[in-house]
Amino acid sequence: MRILFITDPLETFKTYKDSTYAMMTEAAARGHKLFWCLQSQLSLFADQVETVATPLQLTGDSHDWFREGTPALTQLAEFDAVLMRKDPPFDMEYVTSTWLLELAESHAPGSQQAARHP
């Protein structure tokens, strides 16, 4: 699976207690491909939600814990799962992101609404 994590900057993670890091670690251990982006990188273009997604590899080192690949503009529909794991605040950027994620879900293959949108 290709999994996108929408998170705070990776440098701010406290790996010893961060549940998002734990999810990433488990997903990587199961062989899934990890990507990440910032909430501010979500956008809408031609009725498709996209982001600048960066491939992510975990190193196993609790201090120098990740390596990034080359970022690329990617439609959210290209991911098998998208997880928004943001710390507060609950503000208009957060609300807008949830609207974009809802729109992306409605265009996902297999969704009931996808069948209504050619």
PDB file of N, CA and C in Angstrom:
ATOM      1  N   MET A   1       0.833  -1.193   0.000  1.00  0.00           N
ATOM      2  CA  MET A   1       0.000   0.000   0.000  1.00  0.00           C
ATOM      3  C   MET A   1       0.871   1.248   0.000  1.00  0.00           C
ATOM      4  N   ARG A   2       0.341   2.294  -0.593  1.00  0.00           N
ATOM      5  CA  ARG A   2       0.969   3.616  -0.556  1.00  0.00           C
ATOM      6  C   ARG A   2       0.174   4.450   0.443  1.00  0.00           C
ATOM      7  N   ILE A   3       0.845   4.878   1.507  1.00  0.00           N
ATOM      8  CA  ILE A   3       0.166   5.603   2.585  1.00  0.00           C
ATOM      9  C   ILE A   3       0.747   7.010   2.691  1.00  0.00           C
ATOM     10  N   LEU A   4      -0.140   7.996   2.655  1.00  0.00           N
ATOM     11  CA  LEU A   4       0.244   9.395   2.830  1.00  0.00           C
ATOM     12  C   LEU A   4      -0.124   9.837   4.241  1.00  0.00           C
ATOM     13  N   PHE A   5       0.844  10.404   4.943  1.00  0.00           N
ATOM     14  CA  PHE A   5       0.616  10.992   6.258  1.00  0.00           C
ATOM     15  C   PHE A   5       0.677  12.507   6.109  1.00  0.00           C
ATOM     16  N   ILE A   6      -0.397  13.181   6.508  1.00  0.00           N
ATOM     17  CA  ILE A   6      -0.423  14.643   6.547  1.00  0.00           C
ATOM     18  C   ILE A   6      -0.117  15.003   8.001  1.00  0.00           C
ATOM     19  N   THR A   7       1.040  15.627   8.219  1.00  0.00           N
ATOM     20  CA  THR A   7       1.523  15.805   9.588  1.00  0.00           C
ATOM     21  C   THR A   7       2.080  17.204   9.814  1.00  0.00           C
ATOM     22  N   ASP A   8       2.495  17.419  11.033  1.00  0.00           N
ATOM     23  CA  ASP A   8       3.322  18.569  11.359  1.00  0.00           C
ATOM     24  C   ASP A   8       4.716  18.288  10.796  1.00  0.00           C
ATOM     25  N   PRO A   9       5.616  19.281  10.767  1.00  0.00           N
ATOM     26  CA  PRO A   9       6.976  19.017  10.279  1.00  0.00           C
ATOM     27  C   PRO A   9       7.608  17.830  11.011  1.00  0.00           C
ATOM     28  N   LEU A  10       8.242  16.956  10.264  1.00  0.00           N
ATOM     29  CA  LEU A  10       8.812  15.740  10.851  1.00  0.00           C
ATOM     30  C   LEU A  10       9.838  16.050  11.936  1.00  0.00           C
ATOM     31  N   GLU A  11      10.536  17.165  11.798  1.00  0.00           N
ATOM     32  CA  GLU A  11      11.556  17.537  12.778  1.00  0.00           C
ATOM     33  C   GLU A  11      10.964  17.790  14.165  1.00  0.00           C
ATOM     34  N   THR A  12       9.659  18.032  14.239  1.00  0.00           N
ATOM     35  CA  THR A  12       9.024  18.331  15.525  1.00  0.00           C
ATOM     36  C   THR A  12       8.557  17.079  16.271  1.00  0.00           C
ATOM     37  N   PHE A  13       8.629  15.912  15.620  1.00  0.00           N
ATOM     38  CA  PHE A  13       8.154  14.674  16.254  1.00  0.00           C
ATOM     39  C   PHE A  13       9.023  14.330  17.466  1.00  0.00           C
ATOM     40  N   LYS A  14       8.376  13.851  18.494  1.00  0.00           N
ATOM     41  CA  LYS A  14       9.056  13.262  19.648  1.00  0.00           C
ATOM     42  C   LYS A  14       8.807  11.759  19.522  1.00  0.00           C
ATOM     43  N   THR A  15       9.735  11.070  18.897  1.00  0.00           N
ATOM     44  CA  THR A  15       9.511   9.677  18.511  1.00  0.00           C
ATOM     45  C   THR A  15       9.235   8.763  19.689  1.00  0.00           C
ATOM     46  N   TYR A  16       9.706   9.111  20.869  1.00  0.00           N
ATOM     47  CA  TYR A  16       9.486   8.245  22.034  1.00  0.00           C
ATOM     48  C   TYR A  16       8.035   8.247  22.492  1.00  0.00           C
ATOM     49  N   LYS A  17       7.231   9.203  22.023  1.00  0.00           N
ATOM     50  CA  LYS A  17       5.835   9.228  22.468  1.00  0.00           C
ATOM     51  C   LYS A  17       4.833   9.554  21.365  1.00  0.00           C
ATOM     52  N   ASP A  18       5.289   9.742  20.137  1.00  0.00           N
ATOM     53  CA  ASP A  18       4.399  10.186  19.065  1.00  0.00           C
ATOM     54  C   ASP A  18       3.663   9.006  18.438  1.00  0.00           C
ATOM     55  N   SER A  19       2.340   9.038  18.489  1.00  0.00           N
ATOM     56  CA  SER A  19       1.547   7.934  17.938  1.00  0.00           C
ATOM     57  C   SER A  19       1.617   7.883  16.412  1.00  0.00           C
ATOM     58  N   THR A  20       1.823   9.014  15.770  1.00  0.00           N
ATOM     59  CA  THR A  20       1.965   9.007  14.309  1.00  0.00           C
ATOM     60  C   THR A  20       3.247   8.281  13.917  1.00  0.00           C
ATOM     61  N   TYR A  21       4.314   8.512  14.661  1.00  0.00           N
ATOM     62  CA  TYR A  21       5.568   7.796  14.419  1.00  0.00           C
ATOM     63  C   TYR A  21       5.357   6.289  14.603  1.00  0.00           C
ATOM     64  N   ALA A  22       4.614   5.923  15.629  1.00  0.00           N
ATOM     65  CA  ALA A  22       4.329   4.495  15.866  1.00  0.00           C
ATOM     66  C   ALA A  22       3.553   3.904  14.692  1.00  0.00           C
ATOM     67  N   MET A  23       2.588   4.634  14.147  1.00  0.00           N
ATOM     68  CA  MET A  23       1.834   4.163  12.979  1.00  0.00           C
ATOM     69  C   MET A  23       2.740   4.011  11.767  1.00  0.00           C
ATOM     70  N   MET A  24       3.625   4.987  11.568  1.00  0.00           N
ATOM     71  CA  MET A  24       4.560   4.925  10.447  1.00  0.00           C
ATOM     72  C   MET A  24       5.477   3.705  10.581  1.00  0.00           C
ATOM     73  N   THR A  25       5.966   3.486  11.783  1.00  0.00           N
ATOM     74  CA  THR A  25       6.871   2.365  12.035  1.00  0.00           C
ATOM     75  C   THR A  25       6.187   1.039  11.730  1.00  0.00           C
ATOM     76  N   GLU A  26       4.968   0.897  12.184  1.00  0.00           N
ATOM     77  CA  GLU A  26       4.219  -0.350  11.938  1.00  0.00           C
ATOM     78  C   GLU A  26       3.922  -0.524  10.454  1.00  0.00           C
ATOM     79  N   ALA A  27       3.529   0.554   9.789  1.00  0.00           N
ATOM     80  CA  ALA A  27       3.236   0.466   8.355  1.00  0.00           C
ATOM     81  C   ALA A  27       4.489   0.087   7.569  1.00  0.00           C
ATOM     82  N   ALA A  28       5.618   0.683   7.910  1.00  0.00           N
ATOM     83  CA  ALA A  28       6.872   0.358   7.226  1.00  0.00           C
ATOM     84  C   ALA A  28       7.266  -1.098   7.485  1.00  0.00           C
ATOM     85  N   ALA A  29       7.069  -1.564   8.713  1.00  0.00           N
ATOM     86  CA  ALA A  29       7.399  -2.953   9.049  1.00  0.00           C
ATOM     87  C   ALA A  29       6.556  -3.936   8.246  1.00  0.00           C
ATOM     88  N   ARG A  30       5.365  -3.524   7.850  1.00  0.00           N
ATOM     89  CA  ARG A  30       4.480  -4.379   7.045  1.00  0.00           C
ATOM     90  C   ARG A  30       4.726  -4.231   5.554  1.00  0.00           C
ATOM     91  N   GLY A  31       5.732  -3.437   5.200  1.00  0.00           N
ATOM     92  CA  GLY A  31       6.122  -3.311   3.802  1.00  0.00           C
ATOM     93  C   GLY A  31       5.410  -2.233   3.005  1.00  0.00           C
ATOM     94  N   HIS A  32       4.678  -1.357   3.669  1.00  0.00           N
ATOM     95  CA  HIS A  32       3.970  -0.293   2.960  1.00  0.00           C
ATOM     96  C   HIS A  32       4.931   0.839   2.604  1.00  0.00           C
ATOM     97  N   LYS A  33       4.633   1.538   1.520  1.00  0.00           N
ATOM     98  CA  LYS A  33       5.424   2.684   1.100  1.00  0.00           C
ATOM     99  C   LYS A  33       4.850   3.929   1.766  1.00  0.00           C
ATOM    100  N   LEU A  34       5.717   4.689   2.427  1.00  0.00           N
ATOM    101  CA  LEU A  34       5.289   5.856   3.192  1.00  0.00           C
ATOM    102  C   LEU A  34       5.610   7.149   2.451  1.00  0.00           C
ATOM    103  N   PHE A  35       4.692   8.091   2.581  1.00  0.00           N
ATOM    104  CA  PHE A  35       4.854   9.432   2.045  1.00  0.00           C
ATOM    105  C   PHE A  35       4.346  10.399   3.101  1.00  0.00           C
ATOM    106  N   TRP A  36       4.768  11.648   3.019  1.00  0.00           N
ATOM    107  CA  TRP A  36       4.262  12.632   3.970  1.00  0.00           C
ATOM    108  C   TRP A  36       4.140  13.987   3.267  1.00  0.00           C
ATOM    109  N   CYS A  37       3.317  14.841   3.854  1.00  0.00           N
ATOM    110  CA  CYS A  37       3.193  16.220   3.402  1.00  0.00           C
ATOM    111  C   CYS A  37       2.692  17.066   4.563  1.00  0.00           C
ATOM    112  N   LEU A  38       2.788  18.355   4.379  1.00  0.00           N
ATOM    113  CA  LEU A  38       2.216  19.310   5.326  1.00  0.00           C
ATOM    114  C   LEU A  38       0.784  19.610   4.911  1.00  0.00           C
ATOM    115  N   GLN A  39      -0.010  19.989   5.862  1.00  0.00           N
ATOM    116  CA  GLN A  39      -1.402  20.367   5.600  1.00  0.00           C
ATOM    117  C   GLN A  39      -1.458  21.514   4.580  1.00  0.00           C
ATOM    118  N   SER A  40      -0.534  22.443   4.659  1.00  0.00           N
ATOM    119  CA  SER A  40      -0.515  23.600   3.755  1.00  0.00           C
ATOM    120  C   SER A  40      -0.190  23.218   2.316  1.00  0.00           C
ATOM    121  N   GLN A  41       0.242  21.982   2.075  1.00  0.00           N
ATOM    122  CA  GLN A  41       0.584  21.546   0.723  1.00  0.00           C
ATOM    123  C   GLN A  41      -0.591  20.914  -0.019  1.00  0.00           C
ATOM    124  N   LEU A  42      -1.734  20.778   0.629  1.00  0.00           N
ATOM    125  CA  LEU A  42      -2.931  20.280  -0.045  1.00  0.00           C
ATOM    126  C   LEU A  42      -3.491  21.370  -0.953  1.00  0.00           C
ATOM    127  N   SER A  43      -3.947  20.973  -2.137  1.00  0.00           N
ATOM    128  CA  SER A  43      -4.552  21.947  -3.042  1.00  0.00           C
ATOM    129  C   SER A  43      -5.566  21.252  -3.936  1.00  0.00           C
ATOM    130  N   LEU A  44      -6.365  22.069  -4.590  1.00  0.00           N
ATOM    131  CA  LEU A  44      -7.389  21.582  -5.511  1.00  0.00           C
ATOM    132  C   LEU A  44      -7.069  22.127  -6.887  1.00  0.00           C
ATOM    133  N   PHE A  45      -6.985  21.228  -7.866  1.00  0.00           N
ATOM    134  CA  PHE A  45      -6.724  21.627  -9.246  1.00  0.00           C
ATOM    135  C   PHE A  45      -7.541  20.737 -10.166  1.00  0.00           C
ATOM    136  N   ALA A  46      -8.344  21.350 -11.008  1.00  0.00           N
ATOM    137  CA  ALA A  46      -9.165  20.618 -11.980  1.00  0.00           C
ATOM    138  C   ALA A  46      -9.992  19.538 -11.300  1.00  0.00           C
ATOM    139  N   ASP A  47     -10.628  19.898 -10.184  1.00  0.00           N
ATOM    140  CA  ASP A  47     -11.519  19.004  -9.441  1.00  0.00           C
ATOM    141  C   ASP A  47     -10.798  17.804  -8.806  1.00  0.00           C
ATOM    142  N   GLN A  48      -9.478  17.871  -8.705  1.00  0.00           N
ATOM    143  CA  GLN A  48      -8.707  16.802  -8.070  1.00  0.00           C
ATOM    144  C   GLN A  48      -7.884  17.392  -6.921  1.00  0.00           C
ATOM    145  N   VAL A  49      -7.854  16.697  -5.797  1.00  0.00           N
ATOM    146  CA  VAL A  49      -7.050  17.132  -4.658  1.00  0.00           C
ATOM    147  C   VAL A  49      -5.651  16.561  -4.844  1.00  0.00           C
ATOM    148  N   GLU A  50      -4.665  17.423  -4.682  1.00  0.00           N
ATOM    149  CA  GLU A  50      -3.278  17.013  -4.860  1.00  0.00           C
ATOM    150  C   GLU A  50      -2.415  17.600  -3.761  1.00  0.00           C
ATOM    151  N   THR A  51      -1.202  17.091  -3.676  1.00  0.00           N
ATOM    152  CA  THR A  51      -0.250  17.588  -2.696  1.00  0.00           C
ATOM    153  C   THR A  51       1.157  17.377  -3.214  1.00  0.00           C
ATOM    154  N   VAL A  52       2.095  18.012  -2.581  1.00  0.00           N
ATOM    155  CA  VAL A  52       3.505  17.730  -2.822  1.00  0.00           C
ATOM    156  C   VAL A  52       3.865  16.639  -1.816  1.00  0.00           C
ATOM    157  N   ALA A  53       3.896  15.405  -2.283  1.00  0.00           N
ATOM    158  CA  ALA A  53       4.148  14.251  -1.419  1.00  0.00           C
ATOM    159  C   ALA A  53       5.633  13.898  -1.457  1.00  0.00           C
ATOM    160  N   THR A  54       6.182  13.650  -0.284  1.00  0.00           N
ATOM    161  CA  THR A  54       7.591  13.298  -0.164  1.00  0.00           C
ATOM    162  C   THR A  54       7.713  11.859   0.315  1.00  0.00           C
ATOM    163  N   PRO A  55       8.402  11.013  -0.452  1.00  0.00           N
ATOM    164  CA  PRO A  55       8.638   9.645   0.023  1.00  0.00           C
ATOM    165  C   PRO A  55       9.423   9.668   1.330  1.00  0.00           C
ATOM    166  N   LEU A  56       9.133   8.720   2.191  1.00  0.00           N
ATOM    167  CA  LEU A  56       9.710   8.712   3.534  1.00  0.00           C
ATOM    168  C   LEU A  56      10.232   7.320   3.850  1.00  0.00           C
ATOM    169  N   GLN A  57      11.476   7.259   4.326  1.00  0.00           N
ATOM    170  CA  GLN A  57      12.056   6.012   4.810  1.00  0.00           C
ATOM    171  C   GLN A  57      12.433   6.207   6.265  1.00  0.00           C
ATOM    172  N   LEU A  58      12.128   5.228   7.091  1.00  0.00           N
ATOM    173  CA  LEU A  58      12.483   5.276   8.502  1.00  0.00           C
ATOM    174  C   LEU A  58      13.829   4.593   8.692  1.00  0.00           C
ATOM    175  N   THR A  59      14.671   5.174   9.550  1.00  0.00           N
ATOM    176  CA  THR A  59      16.027   4.654   9.741  1.00  0.00           C
ATOM    177  C   THR A  59      16.148   3.702  10.919  1.00  0.00           C
ATOM    178  N   GLY A  60      15.225   3.781  11.883  1.00  0.00           N
ATOM    179  CA  GLY A  60      15.342   2.988  13.093  1.00  0.00           C
ATOM    180  C   GLY A  60      16.109   3.705  14.195  1.00  0.00           C
ATOM    181  N   ASP A  61      16.710   4.834  13.879  1.00  0.00           N
ATOM    182  CA  ASP A  61      17.424   5.652  14.860  1.00  0.00           C
ATOM    183  C   ASP A  61      16.419   6.631  15.477  1.00  0.00           C
ATOM    184  N   SER A  62      16.328   6.681  16.787  1.00  0.00           N
ATOM    185  CA  SER A  62      15.308   7.522  17.423  1.00  0.00           C
ATOM    186  C   SER A  62      15.591   9.022  17.282  1.00  0.00           C
ATOM    187  N   HIS A  63      16.816   9.414  16.960  1.00  0.00           N
ATOM    188  CA  HIS A  63      17.131  10.845  16.811  1.00  0.00           C
ATOM    189  C   HIS A  63      17.167  11.264  15.342  1.00  0.00           C
ATOM    190  N   ASP A  64      17.847  10.526  14.515  1.00  0.00           N
ATOM    191  CA  ASP A  64      17.948  10.795  13.087  1.00  0.00           C
ATOM    192  C   ASP A  64      17.056   9.760  12.398  1.00  0.00           C
ATOM    193  N   TRP A  65      15.731   9.891  12.575  1.00  0.00           N
ATOM    194  CA  TRP A  65      14.793   8.790  12.345  1.00  0.00           C
ATOM    195  C   TRP A  65      14.228   8.668  10.937  1.00  0.00           C
ATOM    196  N   PHE A  66      14.503   9.625  10.054  1.00  0.00           N
ATOM    197  CA  PHE A  66      13.909   9.528   8.713  1.00  0.00           C
ATOM    198  C   PHE A  66      14.856  10.015   7.632  1.00  0.00           C
ATOM    199  N   ARG A  67      14.587   9.546   6.427  1.00  0.00           N
ATOM    200  CA  ARG A  67      15.225  10.011   5.201  1.00  0.00           C
ATOM    201  C   ARG A  67      14.102  10.323   4.218  1.00  0.00           C
ATOM    202  N   GLU A  68      14.268  11.432   3.508  1.00  0.00           N
ATOM    203  CA  GLU A  68      13.257  11.845   2.549  1.00  0.00           C
ATOM    204  C   GLU A  68      13.725  11.588   1.126  1.00  0.00           C
ATOM    205  N   GLY A  69      12.762  11.216   0.282  1.00  0.00           N
ATOM    206  CA  GLY A  69      13.015  11.100  -1.140  1.00  0.00           C
ATOM    207  C   GLY A  69      12.710  12.423  -1.823  1.00  0.00           C
ATOM    208  N   THR A  70      12.539  12.370  -3.119  1.00  0.00           N
ATOM    209  CA  THR A  70      12.265  13.570  -3.905  1.00  0.00           C
ATOM    210  C   THR A  70      10.773  13.879  -3.891  1.00  0.00           C
ATOM    211  N   PRO A  71      10.392  15.071  -3.432  1.00  0.00           N
ATOM    212  CA  PRO A  71       8.976  15.448  -3.426  1.00  0.00           C
ATOM    213  C   PRO A  71       8.416  15.522  -4.845  1.00  0.00           C
ATOM    214  N   ALA A  72       7.140  15.168  -4.985  1.00  0.00           N
ATOM    215  CA  ALA A  72       6.484  15.227  -6.294  1.00  0.00           C
ATOM    216  C   ALA A  72       5.017  15.588  -6.126  1.00  0.00           C
ATOM    217  N   LEU A  73       4.514  16.374  -7.041  1.00  0.00           N
ATOM    218  CA  LEU A  73       3.097  16.710  -7.050  1.00  0.00           C
ATOM    219  C   LEU A  73       2.314  15.441  -7.373  1.00  0.00           C
ATOM    220  N   THR A  74       1.391  15.062  -6.481  1.00  0.00           N
ATOM    221  CA  THR A  74       0.685  13.787  -6.595  1.00  0.00           C
ATOM    222  C   THR A  74      -0.779  13.973  -6.226  1.00  0.00           C
ATOM    223  N   GLN A  75      -1.673  13.378  -7.003  1.00  0.00           N
ATOM    224  CA  GLN A  75      -3.088  13.401  -6.635  1.00  0.00           C
ATOM    225  C   GLN A  75      -3.315  12.456  -5.460  1.00  0.00           C
ATOM    226  N   LEU A  76      -4.169  12.842  -4.534  1.00  0.00           N
ATOM    227  CA  LEU A  76      -4.450  11.991  -3.387  1.00  0.00           C
ATOM    228  C   LEU A  76      -5.051  10.660  -3.816  1.00  0.00           C
ATOM    229  N   ALA A  77      -5.718  10.632  -4.959  1.00  0.00           N
ATOM    230  CA  ALA A  77      -6.313   9.388  -5.462  1.00  0.00           C
ATOM    231  C   ALA A  77      -5.261   8.316  -5.737  1.00  0.00           C
ATOM    232  N   GLU A  78      -3.994   8.699  -5.838  1.00  0.00           N
ATOM    233  CA  GLU A  78      -2.925   7.736  -6.100  1.00  0.00           C
ATOM    234  C   GLU A  78      -2.480   6.990  -4.838  1.00  0.00           C
ATOM    235  N   PHE A  79      -2.990   7.395  -3.681  1.00  0.00           N
ATOM    236  CA  PHE A  79      -2.633   6.731  -2.428  1.00  0.00           C
ATOM    237  C   PHE A  79      -3.738   5.762  -2.026  1.00  0.00           C
ATOM    238  N   ASP A  80      -3.339   4.687  -1.370  1.00  0.00           N
ATOM    239  CA  ASP A  80      -4.307   3.712  -0.875  1.00  0.00           C
ATOM    240  C   ASP A  80      -4.938   4.170   0.432  1.00  0.00           C
ATOM    241  N   ALA A  81      -4.206   4.983   1.177  1.00  0.00           N
ATOM    242  CA  ALA A  81      -4.712   5.520   2.449  1.00  0.00           C
ATOM    243  C   ALA A  81      -4.087   6.884   2.682  1.00  0.00           C
ATOM    244  N   VAL A  82      -4.885   7.786   3.244  1.00  0.00           N
ATOM    245  CA  VAL A  82      -4.414   9.119   3.605  1.00  0.00           C
ATOM    246  C   VAL A  82      -4.822   9.352   5.056  1.00  0.00           C
ATOM    247  N   LEU A  83      -3.835   9.659   5.888  1.00  0.00           N
ATOM    248  CA  LEU A  83      -4.088   9.877   7.311  1.00  0.00           C
ATOM    249  C   LEU A  83      -3.665  11.286   7.685  1.00  0.00           C
ATOM    250  N   MET A  84      -4.603  12.095   8.163  1.00  0.00           N
ATOM    251  CA  MET A  84      -4.248  13.421   8.650  1.00  0.00           C
ATOM    252  C   MET A  84      -4.013  13.314  10.147  1.00  0.00           C
ATOM    253  N   ARG A  85      -2.780  13.577  10.562  1.00  0.00           N
ATOM    254  CA  ARG A  85      -2.353  13.438  11.952  1.00  0.00           C
ATOM    255  C   ARG A  85      -1.754  14.763  12.398  1.00  0.00           C
ATOM    256  N   LYS A  86      -2.600  15.732  12.637  1.00  0.00           N
ATOM    257  CA  LYS A  86      -2.175  17.088  12.959  1.00  0.00           C
ATOM    258  C   LYS A  86      -2.458  17.415  14.413  1.00  0.00           C
ATOM    259  N   ASP A  87      -1.512  18.103  15.021  1.00  0.00           N
ATOM    260  CA  ASP A  87      -1.759  18.668  16.344  1.00  0.00           C
ATOM    261  C   ASP A  87      -2.638  19.901  16.176  1.00  0.00           C
ATOM    262  N   PRO A  88      -3.340  20.306  17.253  1.00  0.00           N
ATOM    263  CA  PRO A  88      -4.149  21.529  17.172  1.00  0.00           C
ATOM    264  C   PRO A  88      -3.274  22.703  16.740  1.00  0.00           C
ATOM    265  N   PRO A  89      -3.838  23.771  16.226  1.00  0.00           N
ATOM    266  CA  PRO A  89      -5.178  24.259  16.513  1.00  0.00           C
ATOM    267  C   PRO A  89      -6.221  23.775  15.503  1.00  0.00           C
ATOM    268  N   PHE A  90      -7.449  23.844  15.931  1.00  0.00           N
ATOM    269  CA  PHE A  90      -8.595  23.628  15.059  1.00  0.00           C
ATOM    270  C   PHE A  90      -8.912  24.998  14.472  1.00  0.00           C
ATOM    271  N   ASP A  91      -8.435  25.244  13.261  1.00  0.00           N
ATOM    272  CA  ASP A  91      -8.604  26.551  12.632  1.00  0.00           C
ATOM    273  C   ASP A  91      -9.134  26.376  11.208  1.00  0.00           C
ATOM    274  N   MET A  92      -9.194  27.460  10.449  1.00  0.00           N
ATOM    275  CA  MET A  92      -9.752  27.381   9.100  1.00  0.00           C
ATOM    276  C   MET A  92      -8.868  26.538   8.168  1.00  0.00           C
ATOM    277  N   GLU A  93      -7.561  26.500   8.399  1.00  0.00           N
ATOM    278  CA  GLU A  93      -6.709  25.637   7.588  1.00  0.00           C
ATOM    279  C   GLU A  93      -7.089  24.170   7.812  1.00  0.00           C
ATOM    280  N   TYR A  94      -7.363  23.823   9.053  1.00  0.00           N
ATOM    281  CA  TYR A  94      -7.779  22.455   9.379  1.00  0.00           C
ATOM    282  C   TYR A  94      -9.126  22.140   8.721  1.00  0.00           C
ATOM    283  N   VAL A  95     -10.081  23.052   8.845  1.00  0.00           N
ATOM    284  CA  VAL A  95     -11.412  22.847   8.260  1.00  0.00           C
ATOM    285  C   VAL A  95     -11.303  22.706   6.739  1.00  0.00           C
ATOM    286  N   THR A  96     -10.536  23.571   6.109  1.00  0.00           N
ATOM    287  CA  THR A  96     -10.349  23.492   4.658  1.00  0.00           C
ATOM    288  C   THR A  96      -9.724  22.155   4.265  1.00  0.00           C
ATOM    289  N   SER A  97      -8.763  21.693   5.045  1.00  0.00           N
ATOM    290  CA  SER A  97      -8.124  20.397   4.762  1.00  0.00           C
ATOM    291  C   SER A  97      -9.136  19.264   4.833  1.00  0.00           C
ATOM    292  N   THR A  98     -10.031  19.313   5.811  1.00  0.00           N
ATOM    293  CA  THR A  98     -11.030  18.242   5.916  1.00  0.00           C
ATOM    294  C   THR A  98     -11.982  18.278   4.726  1.00  0.00           C
ATOM    295  N   TRP A  99     -12.301  19.473   4.240  1.00  0.00           N
ATOM    296  CA  TRP A  99     -13.148  19.575   3.044  1.00  0.00           C
ATOM    297  C   TRP A  99     -12.425  18.965   1.838  1.00  0.00           C
ATOM    298  N   LEU A 100     -11.149  19.274   1.692  1.00  0.00           N
ATOM    299  CA  LEU A 100     -10.380  18.725   0.580  1.00  0.00           C
ATOM    300  C   LEU A 100     -10.281  17.200   0.679  1.00  0.00           C
ATOM    301  N   LEU A 101     -10.073  16.690   1.889  1.00  0.00           N
ATOM    302  CA  LEU A 101      -9.996  15.237   2.070  1.00  0.00           C
ATOM    303  C   LEU A 101     -11.329  14.568   1.757  1.00  0.00           C
ATOM    304  N   GLU A 102     -12.424  15.211   2.132  1.00  0.00           N
ATOM    305  CA  GLU A 102     -13.747  14.666   1.805  1.00  0.00           C
ATOM    306  C   GLU A 102     -13.954  14.636   0.292  1.00  0.00           C
ATOM    307  N   LEU A 103     -13.529  15.687  -0.393  1.00  0.00           N
ATOM    308  CA  LEU A 103     -13.644  15.715  -1.851  1.00  0.00           C
ATOM    309  C   LEU A 103     -12.768  14.626  -2.476  1.00  0.00           C
ATOM    310  N   ALA A 104     -11.552  14.470  -1.983  1.00  0.00           N
ATOM    311  CA  ALA A 104     -10.660  13.428  -2.507  1.00  0.00           C
ATOM    312  C   ALA A 104     -11.272  12.048  -2.307  1.00  0.00           C
ATOM    313  N   GLU A 105     -11.876  11.823  -1.159  1.00  0.00           N
ATOM    314  CA  GLU A 105     -12.517  10.533  -0.885  1.00  0.00           C
ATOM    315  C   GLU A 105     -13.662  10.279  -1.852  1.00  0.00           C
ATOM    316  N   SER A 106     -14.405  11.324  -2.178  1.00  0.00           N
ATOM    317  CA  SER A 106     -15.548  11.153  -3.082  1.00  0.00           C
ATOM    318  C   SER A 106     -15.102  10.796  -4.498  1.00  0.00           C
ATOM    319  N   HIS A 107     -13.846  11.087  -4.840  1.00  0.00           N
ATOM    320  CA  HIS A 107     -13.317  10.762  -6.159  1.00  0.00           C
ATOM    321  C   HIS A 107     -12.473   9.491  -6.155  1.00  0.00           C
ATOM    322  N   ALA A 108     -12.347   8.869  -5.016  1.00  0.00           N
ATOM    323  CA  ALA A 108     -11.517   7.671  -4.911  1.00  0.00           C
ATOM    324  C   ALA A 108     -12.176   6.503  -5.653  1.00  0.00           C
ATOM    325  N   PRO A 109     -11.360   5.676  -6.293  1.00  0.00           N
ATOM    326  CA  PRO A 109     -11.922   4.489  -6.950  1.00  0.00           C
ATOM    327  C   PRO A 109     -12.687   3.647  -5.949  1.00  0.00           C
ATOM    328  N   GLY A 110     -13.855   3.211  -6.345  1.00  0.00           N
ATOM    329  CA  GLY A 110     -14.659   2.355  -5.463  1.00  0.00           C
ATOM    330  C   GLY A 110     -15.619   3.105  -4.560  1.00  0.00           C
ATOM    331  N   SER A 111     -15.488   4.433  -4.479  1.00  0.00           N
ATOM    332  CA  SER A 111     -16.438   5.162  -3.635  1.00  0.00           C
ATOM    333  C   SER A 111     -17.764   5.282  -4.377  1.00  0.00           C
ATOM    334  N   GLN A 112     -18.844   5.389  -3.613  1.00  0.00           N
ATOM    335  CA  GLN A 112     -20.157   5.491  -4.237  1.00  0.00           C
ATOM    336  C   GLN A 112     -20.274   6.753  -5.074  1.00  0.00           C
ATOM    337  N   GLN A 113     -19.670   7.846  -4.594  1.00  0.00           N
ATOM    338  CA  GLN A 113     -19.765   9.098  -5.336  1.00  0.00           C
ATOM    339  C   GLN A 113     -18.900   9.070  -6.585  1.00  0.00           C
ATOM    340  N   ALA A 114     -17.805   8.306  -6.587  1.00  0.00           N
ATOM    341  CA  ALA A 114     -16.940   8.223  -7.760  1.00  0.00           C
ATOM    342  C   ALA A 114     -17.726   7.720  -8.968  1.00  0.00           C
ATOM    343  N   ALA A 115     -18.671   6.840  -8.733  1.00  0.00           N
ATOM    344  CA  ALA A 115     -19.474   6.303  -9.826  1.00  0.00           C
ATOM    345  C   ALA A 115     -20.357   7.381 -10.447  1.00  0.00           C
ATOM    346  N   ARG A 116     -20.665   8.427  -9.680  1.00  0.00           N
ATOM    347  CA  ARG A 116     -21.520   9.511 -10.190  1.00  0.00           C
ATOM    348  C   ARG A 116     -20.724  10.580 -10.935  1.00  0.00           C
ATOM    349  N   HIS A 117     -19.400  10.613 -10.715  1.00  0.00           N
ATOM    350  CA  HIS A 117     -18.557  11.619 -11.366  1.00  0.00           C
ATOM    351  C   HIS A 117     -17.760  10.951 -12.473  1.00  0.00           C
ATOM    352  N   PRO A 118     -18.034  11.314 -13.732  1.00  0.00           N
ATOM    353  CA  PRO A 118     -17.294  10.686 -14.842  1.00  0.00           C
ATOM    354  C   PRO A 118     -15.824  11.015 -14.806  1.00  0.00           C
TER     355      PRO A 118
END
